[in-house]
């Protein structure tokens, strides 16, 4: 009985360790990347002759990373 309990505990621990390693890693949006994206959007808006626009950059979780408002 004692051996069965030990094997059960070992199996649970190993299963948890493998499951923890399976967590998906996503690339992170840094502040520098968000600023570069907003600058590129502003350059495109100027090149296309669009009226002043507001530019909002969000990360994958829906959090606002950067906001830029064009004067006009």
Protein backbone atom coordinates (compact mmCIF):
# COMPACT_ATOMS: atom_id res chain seq x y z
CA UNK A 1 0.00 0.00 0.00
CA UNK A 2 2.85 2.32 0.86
CA UNK A 3 4.47 1.72 -2.53
CA UNK A 4 1.20 2.45 -4.32
CA UNK A 5 0.85 5.75 -2.46
CA UNK A 6 4.43 6.71 -3.31
CA UNK A 7 3.90 5.90 -6.98
CA UNK A 8 0.67 7.91 -7.05
CA UNK A 9 2.38 10.95 -5.54
CA UNK A 10 5.27 10.62 -8.00
CA UNK A 11 2.89 10.36 -10.95
CA UNK A 12 0.97 13.46 -9.85
CA UNK A 13 4.20 15.43 -9.39
CA UNK A 14 5.52 14.43 -12.81
CA UNK A 15 2.20 15.22 -14.48
CA UNK A 16 2.17 18.66 -12.90
CA UNK A 17 5.74 19.34 -13.98
CA UNK A 18 4.98 18.47 -17.61
CA UNK A 19 1.78 20.52 -17.60
CA UNK A 20 3.61 23.55 -16.20
CA UNK A 21 6.12 23.37 -19.05
CA UNK A 22 3.32 23.48 -21.63
CA UNK A 23 2.38 27.10 -20.87
CA UNK A 24 2.27 29.09 -24.09
CA UNK A 25 4.77 31.93 -24.34
CA UNK A 26 3.72 34.92 -26.45
CA UNK A 27 6.00 37.68 -27.65
CA UNK A 28 5.61 40.84 -25.59
CA UNK A 29 4.83 44.27 -26.99
CA UNK A 30 7.39 46.65 -25.51
CA UNK A 31 6.97 50.40 -25.14
CA UNK A 32 9.62 50.97 -27.81
CA UNK A 33 7.76 48.73 -30.25
CA UNK A 34 4.46 50.51 -29.55
CA UNK A 35 6.05 53.93 -30.13
CA UNK A 36 7.63 52.73 -33.39
CA UNK A 37 4.25 51.39 -34.55
CA UNK A 38 2.52 54.69 -33.75
CA UNK A 39 5.25 56.66 -35.56
CA UNK A 40 4.82 54.44 -38.64
CA UNK A 41 1.05 54.97 -38.54
CA UNK A 42 1.54 58.73 -38.29
CA UNK A 43 3.94 58.71 -41.26
CA UNK A 44 1.41 56.73 -43.32
CA UNK A 45 -1.40 59.12 -42.40
CA UNK A 46 0.71 62.10 -43.50
CA UNK A 47 1.76 60.35 -46.74
CA UNK A 48 -1.88 59.53 -47.58
CA UNK A 49 -3.02 63.06 -46.78
CA UNK A 50 -5.50 61.91 -44.17
CA UNK A 51 -6.92 64.39 -41.71
CA UNK A 52 -5.34 64.35 -38.28
CA UNK A 53 -6.00 60.99 -36.68
CA UNK A 54 -5.74 59.45 -33.24
CA UNK A 55 -3.54 56.36 -33.00
CA UNK A 56 -4.00 53.79 -30.24
CA UNK A 57 -1.75 50.74 -29.81
CA UNK A 58 -3.05 47.87 -27.65
CA UNK A 59 -1.31 44.69 -26.49
CA UNK A 60 -2.76 41.18 -26.86
CA UNK A 61 -4.60 41.54 -23.55
CA UNK A 62 -6.41 44.68 -24.69
CA UNK A 63 -4.33 47.03 -22.56
CA UNK A 64 -3.48 50.43 -24.01
CA UNK A 65 0.28 50.59 -24.58
CA UNK A 66 0.57 53.90 -26.45
CA UNK A 67 -1.71 56.69 -27.64
CA UNK A 68 -0.76 59.42 -30.11
CA UNK A 69 -2.92 62.32 -31.26
CA UNK A 70 -2.02 64.24 -34.40
CA UNK A 71 -2.52 67.99 -34.16
CA UNK A 72 -4.42 69.56 -36.94
